[in-house]
Amino acid sequence: MRITVYGKVQGVGFRYHTRKAAQCFGINGFVKNQVSGAVYAEAEGDQMAVDLFCEWCKKGPDWARVDRISICEAGVKEYSAFEIR
């Protein structure tokens, strides 16, 4: 999945907590800040785990404010871990 999260999501530890959530759910991929102020992630894994991860991204950590989120299917890239870029 390709996930873009908009709102107050930079400067609040969003990427760090996204990686922790991904590791808890067994998700591989990456997360990075966008110049626009959004956060972008790619996530692969078991369908239920990806669904749970996407639900987590809709809220993020307590001090973030998610205004909206875009989730699109993407081709499998066979990531071996989840990293912050």
PDB file of N, CA and C in Angstrom:
ATOM      1  N   MET A   1       0.835  -1.179   0.000  1.00  0.00           N
ATOM      2  CA  MET A   1       0.000   0.000   0.000  1.00  0.00           C
ATOM      3  C   MET A   1       0.880   1.241   0.000  1.00  0.00           C
ATOM      4  N   ARG A   2       0.391   2.261  -0.637  1.00  0.00           N
ATOM      5  CA  ARG A   2       1.013   3.585  -0.580  1.00  0.00           C
ATOM      6  C   ARG A   2       0.115   4.457   0.283  1.00  0.00           C
ATOM      7  N   ILE A   3       0.685   5.065   1.290  1.00  0.00           N
ATOM      8  CA  ILE A   3      -0.090   5.827   2.275  1.00  0.00           C
ATOM      9  C   ILE A   3       0.505   7.223   2.379  1.00  0.00           C
ATOM     10  N   THR A   4      -0.330   8.243   2.213  1.00  0.00           N
ATOM     11  CA  THR A   4       0.099   9.623   2.425  1.00  0.00           C
ATOM     12  C   THR A   4      -0.787  10.206   3.512  1.00  0.00           C
ATOM     13  N   VAL A   5      -0.150  10.752   4.543  1.00  0.00           N
ATOM     14  CA  VAL A   5      -0.868  11.286   5.697  1.00  0.00           C
ATOM     15  C   VAL A   5      -0.658  12.795   5.732  1.00  0.00           C
ATOM     16  N   TYR A   6      -1.766  13.541   5.813  1.00  0.00           N
ATOM     17  CA  TYR A   6      -1.738  14.996   5.814  1.00  0.00           C
ATOM     18  C   TYR A   6      -2.197  15.524   7.168  1.00  0.00           C
ATOM     19  N   GLY A   7      -1.654  16.650   7.576  1.00  0.00           N
ATOM     20  CA  GLY A   7      -2.019  17.282   8.839  1.00  0.00           C
ATOM     21  C   GLY A   7      -0.767  17.715   9.570  1.00  0.00           C
ATOM     22  N   LYS A   8      -0.830  17.753  10.883  1.00  0.00           N
ATOM     23  CA  LYS A   8       0.352  18.075  11.696  1.00  0.00           C
ATOM     24  C   LYS A   8       1.082  16.761  11.945  1.00  0.00           C
ATOM     25  N   VAL A   9       1.880  16.356  10.967  1.00  0.00           N
ATOM     26  CA  VAL A   9       2.515  15.044  11.003  1.00  0.00           C
ATOM     27  C   VAL A   9       4.033  15.106  10.880  1.00  0.00           C
ATOM     28  N   GLN A  10       4.587  16.314  10.782  1.00  0.00           N
ATOM     29  CA  GLN A  10       6.040  16.469  10.795  1.00  0.00           C
ATOM     30  C   GLN A  10       6.425  17.220  12.062  1.00  0.00           C
ATOM     31  N   GLY A  11       7.547  16.826  12.649  1.00  0.00           N
ATOM     32  CA  GLY A  11       8.020  17.467  13.862  1.00  0.00           C
ATOM     33  C   GLY A  11       7.327  16.962  15.123  1.00  0.00           C
ATOM     34  N   VAL A  12       6.605  15.849  15.004  1.00  0.00           N
ATOM     35  CA  VAL A  12       5.879  15.282  16.156  1.00  0.00           C
ATOM     36  C   VAL A  12       6.226  13.813  16.380  1.00  0.00           C
ATOM     37  N   GLY A  13       7.291  13.327  15.748  1.00  0.00           N
ATOM     38  CA  GLY A  13       7.696  11.930  15.920  1.00  0.00           C
ATOM     39  C   GLY A  13       6.857  10.947  15.128  1.00  0.00           C
ATOM     40  N   PHE A  14       6.146  11.432  14.116  1.00  0.00           N
ATOM     41  CA  PHE A  14       5.247  10.558  13.351  1.00  0.00           C
ATOM     42  C   PHE A  14       6.008   9.411  12.688  1.00  0.00           C
ATOM     43  N   ARG A  15       7.134   9.717  12.054  1.00  0.00           N
ATOM     44  CA  ARG A  15       7.874   8.650  11.353  1.00  0.00           C
ATOM     45  C   ARG A  15       8.397   7.601  12.329  1.00  0.00           C
ATOM     46  N   TYR A  16       8.942   8.042  13.445  1.00  0.00           N
ATOM     47  CA  TYR A  16       9.456   7.116  14.462  1.00  0.00           C
ATOM     48  C   TYR A  16       8.344   6.184  14.946  1.00  0.00           C
ATOM     49  N   HIS A  17       7.194   6.744  15.275  1.00  0.00           N
ATOM     50  CA  HIS A  17       6.089   5.930  15.778  1.00  0.00           C
ATOM     51  C   HIS A  17       5.458   5.076  14.673  1.00  0.00           C
ATOM     52  N   THR A  18       5.543   5.548  13.446  1.00  0.00           N
ATOM     53  CA  THR A  18       5.066   4.739  12.323  1.00  0.00           C
ATOM     54  C   THR A  18       5.928   3.490  12.186  1.00  0.00           C
ATOM     55  N   ARG A  19       7.246   3.659  12.322  1.00  0.00           N
ATOM     56  CA  ARG A  19       8.140   2.497  12.253  1.00  0.00           C
ATOM     57  C   ARG A  19       7.843   1.524  13.394  1.00  0.00           C
ATOM     58  N   LYS A  20       7.633   2.042  14.607  1.00  0.00           N
ATOM     59  CA  LYS A  20       7.309   1.169  15.740  1.00  0.00           C
ATOM     60  C   LYS A  20       6.009   0.414  15.492  1.00  0.00           C
ATOM     61  N   ALA A  21       4.990   1.098  14.951  1.00  0.00           N
ATOM     62  CA  ALA A  21       3.710   0.445  14.649  1.00  0.00           C
ATOM     63  C   ALA A  21       3.913  -0.629  13.578  1.00  0.00           C
ATOM     64  N   ALA A  22       4.678  -0.303  12.551  1.00  0.00           N
ATOM     65  CA  ALA A  22       4.941  -1.268  11.479  1.00  0.00           C
ATOM     66  C   ALA A  22       5.621  -2.512  12.036  1.00  0.00           C
ATOM     67  N   GLN A  23       6.580  -2.329  12.904  1.00  0.00           N
ATOM     68  CA  GLN A  23       7.277  -3.463  13.495  1.00  0.00           C
ATOM     69  C   GLN A  23       6.322  -4.300  14.339  1.00  0.00           C
ATOM     70  N   CYS A  24       5.433  -3.660  15.077  1.00  0.00           N
ATOM     71  CA  CYS A  24       4.447  -4.396  15.889  1.00  0.00           C
ATOM     72  C   CYS A  24       3.503  -5.226  15.014  1.00  0.00           C
ATOM     73  N   PHE A  25       3.121  -4.665  13.858  1.00  0.00           N
ATOM     74  CA  PHE A  25       2.177  -5.356  12.968  1.00  0.00           C
ATOM     75  C   PHE A  25       2.864  -6.297  11.989  1.00  0.00           C
ATOM     76  N   GLY A  26       4.212  -6.321  11.968  1.00  0.00           N
ATOM     77  CA  GLY A  26       4.932  -7.181  11.030  1.00  0.00           C
ATOM     78  C   GLY A  26       4.915  -6.642   9.611  1.00  0.00           C
ATOM     79  N   ILE A  27       4.955  -5.320   9.473  1.00  0.00           N
ATOM     80  CA  ILE A  27       4.907  -4.653   8.173  1.00  0.00           C
ATOM     81  C   ILE A  27       6.317  -4.310   7.715  1.00  0.00           C
ATOM     82  N   ASN A  28       6.593  -4.477   6.439  1.00  0.00           N
ATOM     83  CA  ASN A  28       7.845  -4.056   5.820  1.00  0.00           C
ATOM     84  C   ASN A  28       7.560  -2.882   4.893  1.00  0.00           C
ATOM     85  N   GLY A  29       8.571  -2.037   4.685  1.00  0.00           N
ATOM     86  CA  GLY A  29       8.427  -0.882   3.804  1.00  0.00           C
ATOM     87  C   GLY A  29       9.234   0.282   4.328  1.00  0.00           C
ATOM     88  N   PHE A  30       8.699   1.496   4.175  1.00  0.00           N
ATOM     89  CA  PHE A  30       9.412   2.681   4.645  1.00  0.00           C
ATOM     90  C   PHE A  30       8.439   3.814   4.898  1.00  0.00           C
ATOM     91  N   VAL A  31       8.948   4.841   5.585  1.00  0.00           N
ATOM     92  CA  VAL A  31       8.195   6.064   5.830  1.00  0.00           C
ATOM     93  C   VAL A  31       9.153   7.234   5.644  1.00  0.00           C
ATOM     94  N   LYS A  32       8.662   8.343   5.069  1.00  0.00           N
ATOM     95  CA  LYS A  32       9.509   9.518   4.895  1.00  0.00           C
ATOM     96  C   LYS A  32       8.660  10.782   4.877  1.00  0.00           C
ATOM     97  N   ASN A  33       9.301  11.912   5.209  1.00  0.00           N
ATOM     98  CA  ASN A  33       8.635  13.203   5.124  1.00  0.00           C
ATOM     99  C   ASN A  33       8.574  13.646   3.671  1.00  0.00           C
ATOM    100  N   GLN A  34       7.541  14.394   3.339  1.00  0.00           N
ATOM    101  CA  GLN A  34       7.395  14.988   2.028  1.00  0.00           C
ATOM    102  C   GLN A  34       7.640  16.494   2.147  1.00  0.00           C
ATOM    103  N   VAL A  35       8.116  17.120   1.094  1.00  0.00           N
ATOM    104  CA  VAL A  35       8.345  18.561   1.083  1.00  0.00           C
ATOM    105  C   VAL A  35       7.046  19.313   1.385  1.00  0.00           C
ATOM    106  N   SER A  36       5.922  18.749   0.992  1.00  0.00           N
ATOM    107  CA  SER A  36       4.612  19.387   1.180  1.00  0.00           C
ATOM    108  C   SER A  36       4.175  19.454   2.639  1.00  0.00           C
ATOM    109  N   GLY A  37       4.893  18.743   3.527  1.00  0.00           N
ATOM    110  CA  GLY A  37       4.508  18.685   4.937  1.00  0.00           C
ATOM    111  C   GLY A  37       3.778  17.401   5.289  1.00  0.00           C
ATOM    112  N   ALA A  38       3.489  16.580   4.289  1.00  0.00           N
ATOM    113  CA  ALA A  38       2.835  15.289   4.515  1.00  0.00           C
ATOM    114  C   ALA A  38       3.886  14.241   4.875  1.00  0.00           C
ATOM    115  N   VAL A  39       3.418  13.077   5.278  1.00  0.00           N
ATOM    116  CA  VAL A  39       4.278  11.918   5.502  1.00  0.00           C
ATOM    117  C   VAL A  39       3.822  10.830   4.534  1.00  0.00           C
ATOM    118  N   TYR A  40       4.781  10.199   3.873  1.00  0.00           N
ATOM    119  CA  TYR A  40       4.503   9.160   2.887  1.00  0.00           C
ATOM    120  C   TYR A  40       5.082   7.841   3.365  1.00  0.00           C
ATOM    121  N   ALA A  41       4.315   6.760   3.211  1.00  0.00           N
ATOM    122  CA  ALA A  41       4.793   5.435   3.595  1.00  0.00           C
ATOM    123  C   ALA A  41       4.395   4.419   2.540  1.00  0.00           C
ATOM    124  N   GLU A  42       5.191   3.384   2.419  1.00  0.00           N
ATOM    125  CA  GLU A  42       4.835   2.200   1.641  1.00  0.00           C
ATOM    126  C   GLU A  42       4.865   1.036   2.611  1.00  0.00           C
ATOM    127  N   ALA A  43       3.843   0.195   2.552  1.00  0.00           N
ATOM    128  CA  ALA A  43       3.694  -0.892   3.517  1.00  0.00           C
ATOM    129  C   ALA A  43       3.336  -2.192   2.814  1.00  0.00           C
ATOM    130  N   GLU A  44       4.005  -3.269   3.208  1.00  0.00           N
ATOM    131  CA  GLU A  44       3.730  -4.608   2.698  1.00  0.00           C
ATOM    132  C   GLU A  44       3.618  -5.573   3.867  1.00  0.00           C
ATOM    133  N   GLY A  45       2.794  -6.574   3.694  1.00  0.00           N
ATOM    134  CA  GLY A  45       2.673  -7.607   4.706  1.00  0.00           C
ATOM    135  C   GLY A  45       1.362  -8.339   4.558  1.00  0.00           C
ATOM    136  N   ASP A  46       1.054  -9.150   5.551  1.00  0.00           N
ATOM    137  CA  ASP A  46      -0.208  -9.862   5.626  1.00  0.00           C
ATOM    138  C   ASP A  46      -1.352  -8.859   5.516  1.00  0.00           C
ATOM    139  N   GLN A  47      -2.418  -9.205   4.783  1.00  0.00           N
ATOM    140  CA  GLN A  47      -3.513  -8.259   4.526  1.00  0.00           C
ATOM    141  C   GLN A  47      -4.118  -7.701   5.814  1.00  0.00           C
ATOM    142  N   MET A  48      -4.341  -8.548   6.805  1.00  0.00           N
ATOM    143  CA  MET A  48      -4.922  -8.068   8.064  1.00  0.00           C
ATOM    144  C   MET A  48      -3.968  -7.096   8.756  1.00  0.00           C
ATOM    145  N   ALA A  49      -2.672  -7.403   8.724  1.00  0.00           N
ATOM    146  CA  ALA A  49      -1.675  -6.528   9.341  1.00  0.00           C
ATOM    147  C   ALA A  49      -1.624  -5.184   8.623  1.00  0.00           C
ATOM    148  N   VAL A  50      -1.683  -5.202   7.296  1.00  0.00           N
ATOM    149  CA  VAL A  50      -1.675  -3.954   6.524  1.00  0.00           C
ATOM    150  C   VAL A  50      -2.923  -3.137   6.839  1.00  0.00           C
ATOM    151  N   ASP A  51      -4.072  -3.791   6.947  1.00  0.00           N
ATOM    152  CA  ASP A  51      -5.307  -3.081   7.297  1.00  0.00           C
ATOM    153  C   ASP A  51      -5.189  -2.417   8.669  1.00  0.00           C
ATOM    154  N   LEU A  52      -4.652  -3.137   9.643  1.00  0.00           N
ATOM    155  CA  LEU A  52      -4.478  -2.583  10.984  1.00  0.00           C
ATOM    156  C   LEU A  52      -3.482  -1.423  10.972  1.00  0.00           C
ATOM    157  N   PHE A  53      -2.421  -1.563  10.195  1.00  0.00           N
ATOM    158  CA  PHE A  53      -1.424  -0.500  10.081  1.00  0.00           C
ATOM    159  C   PHE A  53      -2.053   0.752   9.459  1.00  0.00           C
ATOM    160  N   CYS A  54      -2.845   0.569   8.425  1.00  0.00           N
ATOM    161  CA  CYS A  54      -3.524   1.711   7.792  1.00  0.00           C
ATOM    162  C   CYS A  54      -4.463   2.394   8.781  1.00  0.00           C
ATOM    163  N   GLU A  55      -5.164   1.617   9.592  1.00  0.00           N
ATOM    164  CA  GLU A  55      -6.027   2.202  10.623  1.00  0.00           C
ATOM    165  C   GLU A  55      -5.205   2.995  11.622  1.00  0.00           C
ATOM    166  N   TRP A  56      -4.044   2.483  12.007  1.00  0.00           N
ATOM    167  CA  TRP A  56      -3.162   3.222  12.916  1.00  0.00           C
ATOM    168  C   TRP A  56      -2.746   4.545  12.285  1.00  0.00           C
ATOM    169  N   CYS A  57      -2.404   4.526  11.000  1.00  0.00           N
ATOM    170  CA  CYS A  57      -1.962   5.743  10.311  1.00  0.00           C
ATOM    171  C   CYS A  57      -3.050   6.813  10.276  1.00  0.00           C
ATOM    172  N   LYS A  58      -4.299   6.402  10.325  1.00  0.00           N
ATOM    173  CA  LYS A  58      -5.402   7.379  10.318  1.00  0.00           C
ATOM    174  C   LYS A  58      -5.430   8.217  11.585  1.00  0.00           C
ATOM    175  N   LYS A  59      -4.785   7.730  12.641  1.00  0.00           N
ATOM    176  CA  LYS A  59      -4.742   8.469  13.910  1.00  0.00           C
ATOM    177  C   LYS A  59      -3.322   8.941  14.217  1.00  0.00           C
ATOM    178  N   GLY A  60      -2.335   8.059  14.071  1.00  0.00           N
ATOM    179  CA  GLY A  60      -0.955   8.400  14.375  1.00  0.00           C
ATOM    180  C   GLY A  60      -0.735   8.512  15.875  1.00  0.00           C
ATOM    181  N   PRO A  61       0.434   9.035  16.274  1.00  0.00           N
ATOM    182  CA  PRO A  61       0.701   9.208  17.705  1.00  0.00           C
ATOM    183  C   PRO A  61      -0.197  10.304  18.284  1.00  0.00           C
ATOM    184  N   ASP A  62      -0.319  10.320  19.602  1.00  0.00           N
ATOM    185  CA  ASP A  62      -1.248  11.226  20.275  1.00  0.00           C
ATOM    186  C   ASP A  62      -1.026  12.700  19.939  1.00  0.00           C
ATOM    187  N   TRP A  63       0.204  13.131  19.772  1.00  0.00           N
ATOM    188  CA  TRP A  63       0.484  14.552  19.568  1.00  0.00           C
ATOM    189  C   TRP A  63       0.433  14.964  18.103  1.00  0.00           C
ATOM    190  N   ALA A  64       0.156  14.046  17.206  1.00  0.00           N
ATOM    191  CA  ALA A  64      -0.034  14.379  15.786  1.00  0.00           C
ATOM    192  C   ALA A  64      -1.502  14.722  15.553  1.00  0.00           C
ATOM    193  N   ARG A  65      -1.750  15.408  14.453  1.00  0.00           N
ATOM    194  CA  ARG A  65      -3.129  15.668  14.042  1.00  0.00           C
ATOM    195  C   ARG A  65      -3.261  15.240  12.583  1.00  0.00           C
ATOM    196  N   VAL A  66      -3.987  14.173  12.349  1.00  0.00           N
ATOM    197  CA  VAL A  66      -4.202  13.680  10.989  1.00  0.00           C
ATOM    198  C   VAL A  66      -5.480  14.318  10.454  1.00  0.00           C
ATOM    199  N   ASP A  67      -5.332  15.125   9.405  1.00  0.00           N
ATOM    200  CA  ASP A  67      -6.490  15.775   8.778  1.00  0.00           C
ATOM    201  C   ASP A  67      -7.124  14.874   7.728  1.00  0.00           C
ATOM    202  N   ARG A  68      -6.274  14.188   6.962  1.00  0.00           N
ATOM    203  CA  ARG A  68      -6.775  13.248   5.958  1.00  0.00           C
ATOM    204  C   ARG A  68      -5.666  12.292   5.590  1.00  0.00           C
ATOM    205  N   ILE A  69      -6.076  11.199   4.957  1.00  0.00           N
ATOM    206  CA  ILE A  69      -5.109  10.168   4.574  1.00  0.00           C
ATOM    207  C   ILE A  69      -5.511   9.612   3.211  1.00  0.00           C
ATOM    208  N   SER A  70      -4.520   9.342   2.398  1.00  0.00           N
ATOM    209  CA  SER A  70      -4.737   8.735   1.085  1.00  0.00           C
ATOM    210  C   SER A  70      -4.090   7.357   1.106  1.00  0.00           C
ATOM    211  N   ILE A  71      -4.864   6.340   0.755  1.00  0.00           N
ATOM    212  CA  ILE A  71      -4.352   4.967   0.742  1.00  0.00           C
ATOM    213  C   ILE A  71      -4.619   4.377  -0.639  1.00  0.00           C
ATOM    214  N   CYS A  72      -3.568   3.925  -1.303  1.00  0.00           N
ATOM    215  CA  CYS A  72      -3.684   3.337  -2.639  1.00  0.00           C
ATOM    216  C   CYS A  72      -2.928   2.009  -2.668  1.00  0.00           C
ATOM    217  N   GLU A  73      -3.447   1.077  -3.425  1.00  0.00           N
ATOM    218  CA  GLU A  73      -2.726  -0.188  -3.596  1.00  0.00           C
ATOM    219  C   GLU A  73      -1.512   0.036  -4.471  1.00  0.00           C
ATOM    220  N   ALA A  74      -0.470  -0.724  -4.207  1.00  0.00           N
ATOM    221  CA  ALA A  74       0.773  -0.633  -4.977  1.00  0.00           C
ATOM    222  C   ALA A  74       1.303  -2.035  -5.216  1.00  0.00           C
ATOM    223  N   GLY A  75       2.168  -2.168  -6.179  1.00  0.00           N
ATOM    224  CA  GLY A  75       2.775  -3.455  -6.464  1.00  0.00           C
ATOM    225  C   GLY A  75       3.714  -3.877  -5.338  1.00  0.00           C
ATOM    226  N   VAL A  76       3.903  -5.164  -5.189  1.00  0.00           N
ATOM    227  CA  VAL A  76       4.782  -5.704  -4.151  1.00  0.00           C
ATOM    228  C   VAL A  76       6.234  -5.438  -4.540  1.00  0.00           C
ATOM    229  N   LYS A  77       6.999  -4.904  -3.596  1.00  0.00           N
ATOM    230  CA  LYS A  77       8.416  -4.626  -3.835  1.00  0.00           C
ATOM    231  C   LYS A  77       9.323  -5.491  -2.979  1.00  0.00           C
ATOM    232  N   GLU A  78       8.729  -6.335  -2.142  1.00  0.00           N
ATOM    233  CA  GLU A  78       9.465  -7.279  -1.306  1.00  0.00           C
ATOM    234  C   GLU A  78      10.493  -6.600  -0.401  1.00  0.00           C
ATOM    235  N   TYR A  79      10.053  -5.601   0.356  1.00  0.00           N
ATOM    236  CA  TYR A  79      10.910  -4.976   1.357  1.00  0.00           C
ATOM    237  C   TYR A  79      11.254  -6.023   2.421  1.00  0.00           C
ATOM    238  N   SER A  80      12.436  -5.892   3.006  1.00  0.00           N
ATOM    239  CA  SER A  80      12.861  -6.879   4.011  1.00  0.00           C
ATOM    240  C   SER A  80      12.737  -6.357   5.440  1.00  0.00           C
ATOM    241  N   ALA A  81      12.443  -5.065   5.601  1.00  0.00           N
ATOM    242  CA  ALA A  81      12.300  -4.447   6.920  1.00  0.00           C
ATOM    243  C   ALA A  81      11.487  -3.167   6.746  1.00  0.00           C
ATOM    244  N   PHE A  82      11.258  -2.440   7.832  1.00  0.00           N
ATOM    245  CA  PHE A  82      10.568  -1.148   7.743  1.00  0.00           C
ATOM    246  C   PHE A  82      11.561  -0.094   8.211  1.00  0.00           C
ATOM    247  N   GLU A  83      11.796   0.901   7.377  1.00  0.00           N
ATOM    248  CA  GLU A  83      12.805   1.904   7.692  1.00  0.00           C
ATOM    249  C   GLU A  83      12.271   3.325   7.558  1.00  0.00           C
ATOM    250  N   ILE A  84      12.951   4.233   8.251  1.00  0.00           N
ATOM    251  CA  ILE A  84      12.699   5.657   8.107  1.00  0.00           C
ATOM    252  C   ILE A  84      13.668   6.177   7.061  1.00  0.00           C
ATOM    253  N   ARG A  85      13.154   6.894   6.105  1.00  0.00           N
ATOM    254  CA  ARG A  85      14.034   7.473   5.050  1.00  0.00           C
ATOM    255  C   ARG A  85      14.056   8.972   5.193  1.00  0.00           C
TER     256      ARG A  85
END
